[in-house]
Amino acid sequence: MRRTFVVADFGRPAGYEDRLKRVLHDLHDGLGPTLTAAVLGLRAARELIGRDRAGTEHLLARLEDELYGAITDLRRIVADARPPALDEAGLVQAVRRYAATLTGRVPAEHGPLRVGVEVRGELPPLPAEVEVTAYRIIREALVNVARHSGARECTVHLWPRDGDLHVEIIDDGVGTDGGALPTVGGTGLRSMRERAGDLGGGCRIEPVSSGGTRIAAWLPLAAGK
């Protein structure tokens, strides 16, 4: 005798799709760069262990702290909270800290990478949604630079203009034809565009005439108010 099980369709709560989209974005753009930096750190430790045991132990201790931080980030995503780094240091310092972590772990075959973070003018108090979105976009862009571009120099610019927060990431790497950006997890530029678009802004990628790539995003400062 065949048994038939009937599963009731209770439907999805209001806002389910938006919530799911936000969680997927946060996993990719938040946890993804953190874990990528950890992987690069493990590669660096493997190269270092034969010639500098003390340095390796120090690096592994940092990686342990960062992975515990990733666990905290995962819990935060589930709880729908903002990145702790923004509360601890603010947008500019949080970006500088992440850039410093990432640049020390670029694969040896790519050579050293230097990342500068520059603010043009004075940033006004940023709405939470704008600050989080800018942080996510910059981290995603820096991961792509570190993993795929072969760049030696990268600069992040932030400035307010005409009611928008402008974010620009320029590198001197292999560049792009303007049609596609190397991606992490298959969503790279699309994720950046969607995040900016959700706030009524935008994001574009274009080649730099001297070589390399420019990513530019603009986020309305009125978003989230």
C-alpha atoms as a PDB file:
ATOM      1  CA  MET A   1       0.000   0.000   0.000  1.00  0.00           C
ATOM      2  CA  ARG A   2       1.451   3.311  -1.091  1.00  0.00           C
ATOM      3  CA  ARG A   3       1.389   6.115   1.415  1.00  0.00           C
ATOM      4  CA  THR A   4       0.760   9.634   0.267  1.00  0.00           C
ATOM      5  CA  PHE A   5       2.027  12.540   2.286  1.00  0.00           C
ATOM      6  CA  VAL A   6       0.396  15.899   1.860  1.00  0.00           C
ATOM      7  CA  VAL A   7       2.467  18.921   2.819  1.00  0.00           C
ATOM      8  CA  ALA A   8       0.427  22.006   3.456  1.00  0.00           C
ATOM      9  CA  ASP A   9       1.477  25.175   1.657  1.00  0.00           C
ATOM     10  CA  PHE A  10       1.544  27.800   4.343  1.00  0.00           C
ATOM     11  CA  GLY A  11       2.837  30.476   1.998  1.00  0.00           C
ATOM     12  CA  ARG A  12       5.709  32.824   2.567  1.00  0.00           C
ATOM     13  CA  PRO A  13       5.649  35.713   4.979  1.00  0.00           C
ATOM     14  CA  ALA A  14       5.527  39.265   3.669  1.00  0.00           C
ATOM     15  CA  GLY A  15       8.958  40.496   2.628  1.00  0.00           C
ATOM     16  CA  TYR A  16      10.366  36.972   2.323  1.00  0.00           C
ATOM     17  CA  GLU A  17      11.927  37.489  -1.117  1.00  0.00           C
ATOM     18  CA  ASP A  18      13.546  40.785  -0.122  1.00  0.00           C
ATOM     19  CA  ARG A  19      14.871  39.232   3.080  1.00  0.00           C
ATOM     20  CA  LEU A  20      16.252  36.216   1.199  1.00  0.00           C
ATOM     21  CA  LYS A  21      17.926  38.474  -1.361  1.00  0.00           C
ATOM     22  CA  ARG A  22      19.515  40.560   1.391  1.00  0.00           C
ATOM     23  CA  VAL A  23      20.821  37.489   3.220  1.00  0.00           C
ATOM     24  CA  LEU A  24      22.326  36.050   0.022  1.00  0.00           C
ATOM     25  CA  HIS A  25      23.988  39.375  -0.735  1.00  0.00           C
ATOM     26  CA  ASP A  26      25.387  39.610   2.784  1.00  0.00           C
ATOM     27  CA  LEU A  27      26.770  36.079   2.603  1.00  0.00           C
ATOM     28  CA  HIS A  28      28.482  36.830  -0.697  1.00  0.00           C
ATOM     29  CA  ASP A  29      29.640  40.403  -0.110  1.00  0.00           C
ATOM     30  CA  GLY A  30      30.210  40.176   3.642  1.00  0.00           C
ATOM     31  CA  LEU A  31      31.294  36.701   4.621  1.00  0.00           C
ATOM     32  CA  GLY A  32      32.823  35.942   1.207  1.00  0.00           C
ATOM     33  CA  PRO A  33      35.587  38.592   1.359  1.00  0.00           C
ATOM     34  CA  THR A  34      36.361  37.660   4.974  1.00  0.00           C
ATOM     35  CA  LEU A  35      36.868  34.013   4.068  1.00  0.00           C
ATOM     36  CA  THR A  36      38.813  34.959   0.937  1.00  0.00           C
ATOM     37  CA  ALA A  37      41.245  36.967   3.056  1.00  0.00           C
ATOM     38  CA  ALA A  38      41.595  33.958   5.372  1.00  0.00           C
ATOM     39  CA  VAL A  39      42.390  31.658   2.443  1.00  0.00           C
ATOM     40  CA  LEU A  40      45.048  34.075   1.195  1.00  0.00           C
ATOM     41  CA  GLY A  41      46.440  34.175   4.731  1.00  0.00           C
ATOM     42  CA  LEU A  42      46.710  30.393   4.856  1.00  0.00           C
ATOM     43  CA  ARG A  43      48.592  30.412   1.550  1.00  0.00           C
ATOM     44  CA  ALA A  44      50.955  33.044   2.936  1.00  0.00           C
ATOM     45  CA  ALA A  45      51.489  30.949   6.079  1.00  0.00           C
ATOM     46  CA  ARG A  46      52.340  27.902   3.983  1.00  0.00           C
ATOM     47  CA  GLU A  47      54.999  29.895   2.117  1.00  0.00           C
ATOM     48  CA  LEU A  48      56.348  31.391   5.353  1.00  0.00           C
ATOM     49  CA  ILE A  49      56.490  28.346   7.620  1.00  0.00           C
ATOM     50  CA  GLY A  50      59.821  27.007   6.363  1.00  0.00           C
ATOM     51  CA  ARG A  51      61.740  30.249   6.972  1.00  0.00           C
ATOM     52  CA  ASP A  52      59.983  32.143   9.770  1.00  0.00           C
ATOM     53  CA  ARG A  53      58.268  30.015  12.390  1.00  0.00           C
ATOM     54  CA  ALA A  54      57.518  32.945  14.703  1.00  0.00           C
ATOM     55  CA  GLY A  55      56.034  34.964  11.858  1.00  0.00           C
ATOM     56  CA  THR A  56      53.926  31.979  10.832  1.00  0.00           C
ATOM     57  CA  GLU A  57      52.588  31.532  14.359  1.00  0.00           C
ATOM     58  CA  HIS A  58      51.686  35.228  14.511  1.00  0.00           C
ATOM     59  CA  LEU A  59      49.884  35.017  11.164  1.00  0.00           C
ATOM     60  CA  LEU A  60      47.987  31.884  12.193  1.00  0.00           C
ATOM     61  CA  ALA A  61      46.883  33.586  15.411  1.00  0.00           C
ATOM     62  CA  ARG A  62      45.495  36.475  13.348  1.00  0.00           C
ATOM     63  CA  LEU A  63      43.728  34.039  11.066  1.00  0.00           C
ATOM     64  CA  GLU A  64      42.157  32.335  14.067  1.00  0.00           C
ATOM     65  CA  ASP A  65      40.795  35.697  15.245  1.00  0.00           C
ATOM     66  CA  GLU A  66      39.480  36.484  11.769  1.00  0.00           C
ATOM     67  CA  LEU A  67      37.705  33.151  11.479  1.00  0.00           C
ATOM     68  CA  TYR A  68      36.065  33.719  14.836  1.00  0.00           C
ATOM     69  CA  GLY A  69      35.064  37.090  13.398  1.00  0.00           C
ATOM     70  CA  ALA A  70      33.556  35.290  10.404  1.00  0.00           C
ATOM     71  CA  ILE A  71      31.438  33.232  12.797  1.00  0.00           C
ATOM     72  CA  THR A  72      30.275  36.482  14.395  1.00  0.00           C
ATOM     73  CA  ASP A  73      29.497  37.868  10.934  1.00  0.00           C
ATOM     74  CA  LEU A  74      27.440  34.795  10.107  1.00  0.00           C
ATOM     75  CA  ARG A  75      25.427  35.217  13.286  1.00  0.00           C
ATOM     76  CA  ARG A  76      25.014  38.908  12.493  1.00  0.00           C
ATOM     77  CA  ILE A  77      23.709  38.118   9.007  1.00  0.00           C
ATOM     78  CA  VAL A  78      21.163  35.743  10.487  1.00  0.00           C
ATOM     79  CA  ALA A  79      20.179  38.450  12.962  1.00  0.00           C
ATOM     80  CA  ASP A  80      20.097  41.066  10.150  1.00  0.00           C
ATOM     81  CA  ALA A  81      22.537  43.408  11.912  1.00  0.00           C
ATOM     82  CA  ARG A  82      25.170  45.714  10.400  1.00  0.00           C
ATOM     83  CA  PRO A  83      28.883  44.793  10.161  1.00  0.00           C
ATOM     84  CA  PRO A  84      30.618  45.296  13.526  1.00  0.00           C
ATOM     85  CA  ALA A  85      33.604  46.918  11.790  1.00  0.00           C
ATOM     86  CA  LEU A  86      31.454  49.921  10.905  1.00  0.00           C
ATOM     87  CA  ASP A  87      30.378  50.437  14.503  1.00  0.00           C
ATOM     88  CA  GLU A  88      33.934  50.006  15.753  1.00  0.00           C
ATOM     89  CA  ALA A  89      35.741  52.285  13.311  1.00  0.00           C
ATOM     90  CA  GLY A  90      33.380  53.925  10.821  1.00  0.00           C
ATOM     91  CA  LEU A  91      33.399  53.434   7.054  1.00  0.00           C
ATOM     92  CA  VAL A  92      36.787  54.895   6.132  1.00  0.00           C
ATOM     93  CA  GLN A  93      38.799  53.175   8.869  1.00  0.00           C
ATOM     94  CA  ALA A  94      36.940  49.899   8.353  1.00  0.00           C
ATOM     95  CA  VAL A  95      37.902  49.959   4.667  1.00  0.00           C
ATOM     96  CA  ARG A  96      41.519  50.779   5.520  1.00  0.00           C
ATOM     97  CA  ARG A  97      41.691  47.904   7.984  1.00  0.00           C
ATOM     98  CA  TYR A  98      40.296  45.419   5.489  1.00  0.00           C
ATOM     99  CA  ALA A  99      42.636  46.692   2.764  1.00  0.00           C
ATOM    100  CA  ALA A 100      45.632  46.275   5.074  1.00  0.00           C
ATOM    101  CA  THR A 101      44.586  42.726   5.894  1.00  0.00           C
ATOM    102  CA  LEU A 102      44.060  41.801   2.255  1.00  0.00           C
ATOM    103  CA  THR A 103      47.219  43.327   0.787  1.00  0.00           C
ATOM    104  CA  GLY A 104      49.482  41.335   3.079  1.00  0.00           C
ATOM    105  CA  ARG A 105      48.131  38.115   1.608  1.00  0.00           C
ATOM    106  CA  VAL A 106      48.216  38.596  -2.149  1.00  0.00           C
ATOM    107  CA  PRO A 107      49.708  35.479  -3.793  1.00  0.00           C
ATOM    108  CA  ALA A 108      53.466  35.796  -4.345  1.00  0.00           C
ATOM    109  CA  GLU A 109      53.098  35.265  -8.088  1.00  0.00           C
ATOM    110  CA  HIS A 110      51.047  38.472  -8.285  1.00  0.00           C
ATOM    111  CA  GLY A 111      53.640  40.523  -6.426  1.00  0.00           C
ATOM    112  CA  PRO A 112      52.965  43.099  -3.695  1.00  0.00           C
ATOM    113  CA  LEU A 113      49.722  45.075  -3.806  1.00  0.00           C
ATOM    114  CA  ARG A 114      49.331  48.514  -2.261  1.00  0.00           C
ATOM    115  CA  VAL A 115      45.885  49.933  -1.538  1.00  0.00           C
ATOM    116  CA  GLY A 116      45.289  53.560  -0.644  1.00  0.00           C
ATOM    117  CA  VAL A 117      42.044  54.967   0.739  1.00  0.00           C
ATOM    118  CA  GLU A 118      41.415  58.664   0.083  1.00  0.00           C
ATOM    119  CA  VAL A 119      38.512  60.883   1.105  1.00  0.00           C
ATOM    120  CA  ARG A 120      37.825  63.993  -0.960  1.00  0.00           C
ATOM    121  CA  GLY A 121      36.312  66.739   1.136  1.00  0.00           C
ATOM    122  CA  GLU A 122      34.433  65.929   4.317  1.00  0.00           C
ATOM    123  CA  LEU A 123      31.954  63.081   4.444  1.00  0.00           C
ATOM    124  CA  PRO A 124      28.623  63.962   6.057  1.00  0.00           C
ATOM    125  CA  PRO A 125      26.999  61.597   8.566  1.00  0.00           C
ATOM    126  CA  LEU A 126      26.029  58.588   6.463  1.00  0.00           C
ATOM    127  CA  PRO A 127      22.699  56.765   6.711  1.00  0.00           C
ATOM    128  CA  ALA A 128      23.212  53.198   7.884  1.00  0.00           C
ATOM    129  CA  GLU A 129      22.078  51.648   4.599  1.00  0.00           C
ATOM    130  CA  VAL A 130      24.424  53.840   2.577  1.00  0.00           C
ATOM    131  CA  GLU A 131      27.388  53.073   4.841  1.00  0.00           C
ATOM    132  CA  VAL A 132      26.783  49.313   4.735  1.00  0.00           C
ATOM    133  CA  THR A 133      26.296  49.299   0.960  1.00  0.00           C
ATOM    134  CA  ALA A 134      29.462  51.316   0.330  1.00  0.00           C
ATOM    135  CA  TYR A 135      31.429  48.986   2.614  1.00  0.00           C
ATOM    136  CA  ARG A 136      30.139  45.872   0.879  1.00  0.00           C
ATOM    137  CA  ILE A 137      30.848  47.224  -2.612  1.00  0.00           C
ATOM    138  CA  ILE A 138      34.398  48.265  -1.714  1.00  0.00           C
ATOM    139  CA  ARG A 139      35.227  44.932  -0.082  1.00  0.00           C
ATOM    140  CA  GLU A 140      33.903  42.988  -3.051  1.00  0.00           C
ATOM    141  CA  ALA A 141      35.897  45.164  -5.462  1.00  0.00           C
ATOM    142  CA  LEU A 142      39.108  44.752  -3.442  1.00  0.00           C
ATOM    143  CA  VAL A 143      38.713  40.975  -3.357  1.00  0.00           C
ATOM    144  CA  ASN A 144      38.463  40.934  -7.148  1.00  0.00           C
ATOM    145  CA  VAL A 145      41.527  43.172  -7.435  1.00  0.00           C
ATOM    146  CA  ALA A 146      43.562  40.935  -5.114  1.00  0.00           C
ATOM    147  CA  ARG A 147      42.522  37.644  -6.667  1.00  0.00           C
ATOM    148  CA  HIS A 148      42.196  38.353 -10.359  1.00  0.00           C
ATOM    149  CA  SER A 149      43.711  41.618 -11.586  1.00  0.00           C
ATOM    150  CA  GLY A 150      47.436  41.164 -10.953  1.00  0.00           C
ATOM    151  CA  ALA A 151      47.464  44.828  -9.888  1.00  0.00           C
ATOM    152  CA  ARG A 152      50.292  46.443  -7.931  1.00  0.00           C
ATOM    153  CA  GLU A 153      48.443  49.661  -7.069  1.00  0.00           C
ATOM    154  CA  CYS A 154      44.819  50.256  -6.135  1.00  0.00           C
ATOM    155  CA  THR A 155      43.142  53.377  -4.790  1.00  0.00           C
ATOM    156  CA  VAL A 156      39.739  53.747  -3.159  1.00  0.00           C
ATOM    157  CA  HIS A 157      38.179  57.224  -3.344  1.00  0.00           C
ATOM    158  CA  LEU A 158      35.138  58.408  -1.412  1.00  0.00           C
ATOM    159  CA  TRP A 159      33.482  61.812  -1.719  1.00  0.00           C
ATOM    160  CA  PRO A 160      30.066  63.475  -1.424  1.00  0.00           C
ATOM    161  CA  ARG A 161      28.599  65.337  -4.390  1.00  0.00           C
ATOM    162  CA  ASP A 162      25.143  66.479  -5.457  1.00  0.00           C
ATOM    163  CA  GLY A 163      23.377  64.484  -2.766  1.00  0.00           C
ATOM    164  CA  ASP A 164      25.240  61.220  -3.431  1.00  0.00           C
ATOM    165  CA  LEU A 165      28.104  59.358  -1.821  1.00  0.00           C
ATOM    166  CA  HIS A 166      30.525  58.506  -4.618  1.00  0.00           C
ATOM    167  CA  VAL A 167      32.753  55.448  -4.359  1.00  0.00           C
ATOM    168  CA  GLU A 168      35.559  54.741  -6.813  1.00  0.00           C
ATOM    169  CA  ILE A 169      38.037  51.873  -6.927  1.00  0.00           C
ATOM    170  CA  ILE A 170      40.842  52.116  -9.505  1.00  0.00           C
ATOM    171  CA  ASP A 171      43.573  49.535 -10.077  1.00  0.00           C
ATOM    172  CA  ASP A 172      46.477  49.135 -12.519  1.00  0.00           C
ATOM    173  CA  GLY A 173      45.878  45.451 -13.226  1.00  0.00           C
ATOM    174  CA  VAL A 174      45.082  43.514 -16.366  1.00  0.00           C
ATOM    175  CA  GLY A 175      41.946  45.550 -16.985  1.00  0.00           C
ATOM    176  CA  THR A 176      38.655  44.599 -18.556  1.00  0.00           C
ATOM    177  CA  ASP A 177      36.921  45.119 -21.862  1.00  0.00           C
ATOM    178  CA  GLY A 178      34.039  46.751 -20.002  1.00  0.00           C
ATOM    179  CA  GLY A 179      31.776  43.778 -20.548  1.00  0.00           C
ATOM    180  CA  ALA A 180      32.514  41.541 -17.592  1.00  0.00           C
ATOM    181  CA  LEU A 181      34.280  41.660 -14.278  1.00  0.00           C
ATOM    182  CA  PRO A 182      36.039  38.612 -12.852  1.00  0.00           C
ATOM    183  CA  THR A 183      33.771  37.386 -10.101  1.00  0.00           C
ATOM    184  CA  VAL A 184      33.918  35.717  -6.737  1.00  0.00           C
ATOM    185  CA  GLY A 185      31.104  33.206  -6.367  1.00  0.00           C
ATOM    186  CA  GLY A 186      29.706  34.120  -9.787  1.00  0.00           C
ATOM    187  CA  THR A 187      28.003  37.371  -8.850  1.00  0.00           C
ATOM    188  CA  GLY A 188      30.757  40.051  -8.672  1.00  0.00           C
ATOM    189  CA  LEU A 189      29.588  43.160 -10.484  1.00  0.00           C
ATOM    190  CA  ARG A 190      25.963  42.080 -10.551  1.00  0.00           C
ATOM    191  CA  SER A 191      25.878  42.054  -6.772  1.00  0.00           C
ATOM    192  CA  MET A 192      27.452  45.526  -6.618  1.00  0.00           C
ATOM    193  CA  ARG A 193      24.937  46.879  -9.123  1.00  0.00           C
ATOM    194  CA  GLU A 194      22.008  45.364  -7.276  1.00  0.00           C
ATOM    195  CA  ARG A 195      23.146  46.774  -3.950  1.00  0.00           C
ATOM    196  CA  ALA A 196      23.579  50.256  -5.382  1.00  0.00           C
ATOM    197  CA  GLY A 197      20.338  49.983  -7.346  1.00  0.00           C
ATOM    198  CA  ASP A 198      18.396  48.997  -4.243  1.00  0.00           C
ATOM    199  CA  LEU A 199      19.204  52.436  -2.819  1.00  0.00           C
ATOM    200  CA  GLY A 200      18.349  54.263  -6.033  1.00  0.00           C
ATOM    201  CA  GLY A 201      21.980  54.621  -7.109  1.00  0.00           C
ATOM    202  CA  GLY A 202      24.139  52.779  -9.593  1.00  0.00           C
ATOM    203  CA  CYS A 203      27.455  51.088 -10.262  1.00  0.00           C
ATOM    204  CA  ARG A 204      29.530  50.749 -13.407  1.00  0.00           C
ATOM    205  CA  ILE A 205      32.832  49.282 -14.518  1.00  0.00           C
ATOM    206  CA  GLU A 206      35.129  50.643 -17.211  1.00  0.00           C
ATOM    207  CA  PRO A 207      38.699  50.225 -18.410  1.00  0.00           C
ATOM    208  CA  VAL A 208      41.321  52.814 -17.514  1.00  0.00           C
ATOM    209  CA  SER A 209      43.162  54.271 -20.505  1.00  0.00           C
ATOM    210  CA  SER A 210      46.563  53.715 -18.865  1.00  0.00           C
ATOM    211  CA  GLY A 211      45.646  50.128 -18.002  1.00  0.00           C
ATOM    212  CA  GLY A 212      43.552  48.636 -15.244  1.00  0.00           C
ATOM    213  CA  THR A 213      39.938  48.944 -14.190  1.00  0.00           C
ATOM    214  CA  ARG A 214      37.713  51.571 -12.611  1.00  0.00           C
ATOM    215  CA  ILE A 215      34.630  50.687 -10.582  1.00  0.00           C
ATOM    216  CA  ALA A 216      32.394  53.633  -9.751  1.00  0.00           C
ATOM    217  CA  ALA A 217      29.272  53.634  -7.583  1.00  0.00           C
ATOM    218  CA  TRP A 218      26.975  56.425  -6.458  1.00  0.00           C
ATOM    219  CA  LEU A 219      24.601  56.080  -3.523  1.00  0.00           C
ATOM    220  CA  PRO A 220      21.911  58.671  -2.671  1.00  0.00           C
ATOM    221  CA  LEU A 221      22.568  60.099   0.775  1.00  0.00           C
ATOM    222  CA  ALA A 222      18.821  60.370   1.316  1.00  0.00           C
ATOM    223  CA  ALA A 223      18.457  56.575   1.116  1.00  0.00           C
ATOM    224  CA  GLY A 224      17.270  55.051   4.356  1.00  0.00           C
ATOM    225  CA  LYS A 225      16.236  58.359   5.909  1.00  0.00           C
END
